[in-house]
Every structure is written in structure tokens, then in C-alpha cells.
Protein backbone atom coordinates (compact mmCIF):
# COMPACT_ATOMS: atom_id res chain seq x y z
CA MET A 1 0.00 0.00 0.00
CA PRO A 2 1.42 3.46 -0.82
CA ALA A 3 2.63 5.54 2.11
CA SER A 4 0.02 8.24 1.53
CA GLY A 5 -2.77 5.79 2.32
CA THR A 6 -4.38 6.22 -1.10
CA THR A 7 -4.84 3.10 -3.16
CA LYS A 8 -6.03 2.96 -6.72
CA SER A 9 -6.91 -0.32 -8.32
CA THR A 10 -8.83 -0.97 -11.52
CA THR A 11 -10.42 -3.93 -13.22
CA ALA A 12 -12.55 -4.13 -16.34
CA SER A 13 -14.31 -6.93 -18.09
CA GLN A 14 -12.38 -7.81 -21.22
CA PRO A 15 -14.53 -7.77 -24.36
CA SER A 16 -14.03 -10.68 -26.73
CA ALA A 17 -14.86 -8.53 -29.76
CA GLU A 18 -14.98 -4.87 -30.66
CA ILE A 19 -17.54 -3.05 -28.56
CA PRO A 20 -20.31 -1.30 -30.49
CA PRO A 21 -20.90 2.43 -29.97
CA THR A 22 -22.00 3.09 -26.41
CA ASN A 23 -25.19 5.04 -25.93
CA HIS A 24 -25.92 4.22 -22.28
CA THR A 25 -23.78 4.54 -19.19
CA CYS A 26 -24.35 3.99 -15.50
CA GLU A 27 -21.93 5.12 -12.82
CA LEU A 28 -21.99 4.34 -9.11
CA ARG A 29 -19.81 5.49 -6.23
CA VAL A 30 -19.85 3.52 -2.99
CA ALA A 31 -18.34 4.95 0.20
CA CYS A 32 -16.57 2.16 2.09
CA GLY A 33 -15.37 2.14 5.68
CA SER A 34 -11.69 1.99 4.70
CA PRO A 35 -9.39 1.56 1.70
CA GLU A 36 -9.03 -2.12 2.68
CA GLU A 37 -12.82 -2.61 2.48
CA ALA A 38 -12.92 -0.93 -0.93
CA LEU A 39 -10.19 -3.28 -2.20
CA ILE A 40 -11.95 -6.33 -0.74
CA LEU A 41 -15.19 -5.34 -2.48
CA ARG A 42 -13.38 -4.63 -5.77
CA ASN A 43 -11.51 -7.93 -5.69
CA THR A 44 -14.67 -9.83 -4.78
CA LEU A 45 -16.82 -8.26 -7.49
CA ALA A 46 -14.15 -8.32 -10.21
CA VAL A 47 -14.12 -12.12 -10.50
CA ASP A 48 -17.61 -12.22 -12.05
CA ARG A 49 -17.28 -11.69 -15.78
CA GLU A 50 -20.08 -10.19 -17.85
CA LEU A 51 -22.23 -12.69 -19.73
CA GLN A 52 -22.09 -10.58 -22.90
CA PRO A 53 -18.65 -8.91 -22.84
CA ASP A 54 -18.96 -7.97 -26.51
CA LYS A 55 -21.93 -5.72 -25.62
CA LEU A 56 -21.20 -4.54 -22.09
CA VAL A 57 -18.14 -3.12 -20.35
CA ARG A 58 -17.89 -2.88 -16.56
CA VAL A 59 -15.05 -0.96 -14.89
CA ILE A 60 -14.47 -1.23 -11.13
CA MET A 61 -11.98 1.06 -9.40
CA ALA A 62 -11.03 1.35 -5.75
CA ASP A 63 -9.85 4.89 -5.05
CA GLY A 64 -8.98 5.18 -1.38
CA SER A 65 -12.10 4.26 0.56
CA THR A 66 -14.40 4.82 -2.44
CA LEU A 67 -15.46 2.14 -4.90
CA ASN A 68 -16.24 3.53 -8.39
CA ILE A 69 -18.19 1.37 -10.83
CA SER A 70 -19.02 2.24 -14.45
CA PHE A 71 -21.11 0.32 -16.97
CA LEU A 72 -21.09 1.06 -20.72
CA CYS A 73 -23.63 -0.56 -23.03
CA PRO A 74 -25.49 0.20 -26.28
CA ASP A 75 -28.67 -1.52 -25.01
CA ALA A 76 -30.59 0.01 -22.08
CA ARG A 77 -32.34 -3.26 -21.21
CA LEU A 78 -29.05 -5.19 -20.99
CA LEU A 79 -27.50 -2.36 -18.96
CA ARG A 80 -30.39 -2.47 -16.47
CA ALA A 81 -30.18 -6.25 -16.08
CA ALA A 82 -26.39 -6.19 -15.60
CA PHE A 83 -26.59 -3.33 -13.11
CA ASN A 84 -29.33 -5.06 -11.08
CA ALA A 85 -27.33 -8.31 -10.93
CA PHE A 86 -24.22 -6.37 -9.93
CA MET A 87 -26.12 -4.58 -7.14
CA ASP A 88 -27.25 -7.94 -5.73
CA SER A 89 -23.61 -9.06 -5.59
CA LEU A 90 -22.46 -5.74 -4.11
CA ILE A 91 -25.10 -5.88 -1.37
CA LEU A 92 -24.16 -9.47 -0.49
CA ALA A 93 -20.44 -8.61 -0.31
CA ALA A 94 -21.09 -5.49 1.81
CA ARG A 95 -23.33 -7.44 4.21
CA THR A 96 -20.64 -10.09 4.54
CA ILE A 97 -18.11 -7.43 5.57
CA GLU A 98 -20.66 -6.04 8.06
CA ALA A 99 -21.34 -9.49 9.52
CA PHE A 100 -17.70 -10.43 10.01
CA GLY A 101 -16.42 -6.99 10.95
CA PRO A 102 -13.93 -4.68 9.28
CA PRO A 103 -10.78 -6.19 7.79
CA LEU A 104 -7.64 -6.29 9.87
CA PRO A 105 -4.96 -3.76 8.90
CA MET A 106 -2.66 -5.13 6.23
CA GLN A 107 0.71 -6.26 7.60
CA GLN A 108 3.83 -5.02 5.83
CA ASP A 109 6.05 -7.95 6.85
CA CYS A 110 5.32 -11.18 8.66
CA LYS A 111 7.71 -12.34 11.38
């Protein structure tokens, strides 16, 4: 982790073909309890790939204690369905962090 305490991490679904022109976008910012929680959420949510990566792009970034999510899609119906499914996963991951408590501070070196 950088000394300033700010972390920036990005992941995006990788399209298998060229993405058509994007007419619809959806952006979401989630305030997390700490930079560690934002990274845990990002890493948890990034493993699920989009079902139609040739039509939809999802970008997830952890910027400090904020999680930024962007969806790009030419079809509003597909965008809505993908966003709703993502929100279900986000809620489950956030509730899991709540249930088990905040993450322990990351250790620099183990002895």
C-alpha cells in the first residue's frame, strides 16, 4: 500500500470482440469504511465476468475508501439487467463485511 494511504486499483471486463458504440452509461460510487474494504469489495466483485462482454463493459476502481463502478452498453435493457445483478452481488459482499467486521490492517512484513 502506498505511504500516503491512497490506493487505486482498476479492473474491467475484457470484451471478446470490438464493442459497439456506447449510448448508455451507468456510474456508481460507494463509500466504504476503509481503503481495505474498498479493495476487498473490488476484488470480490471483479471475478464475475459479464455474460455478454462484446456488448457490455464494466469498470471497477477502488480509489482510497471509495469504490467507483461504471457500466457502458449500447442496449438500455441489458444495462439495467447487468446493473441489477451487480447490485445484488455488491449488497451481499457489503453485508458479509458487516457481519464479520472490518478487515484487519494489512501487515507489511510477517515475522
